[in-house]
């Protein structure tokens, strides 16, 4: 595989990673409010190759790689009567305001976190399981 093919393969794999759903996340609706995470994606890639001497000692060697970074930028909170945008980066970030806007989201996120890697026991009520772990 030549350098051009290596670069093409790296680009194709990164294109699969970066979609509109990566930038504008899946909406989470709780108690009449919808939270939509907004992220930014940075990525880079590189490849190189070289040829050795011609003949029996000759040959080609090459390699390629890429990486991506997904970073939350803001949370869009939509309710029946208003839409608010809460920045997730920069000065003056107040996570408390996001929590106040959608208090039930914290419980839902804790519940989802509890399911990661293991099944969370279901209870008779419909409330999400509360985590005792500090964040």
Foldseek 3Di string as FASTA:
>chain_A
DDQVVQVVVQVVVVVVVDDVCLQWPDWDDDPQKIKIWGKDKDKDKDKDKDWDDPDPPIDIDMHMDMDMDIGTAWIWMDGPPDIDIAGPDDPPHDVVVVCVSPVLVVLVVQLVVVPVPHHDDDDPDPGRDDDPDDD
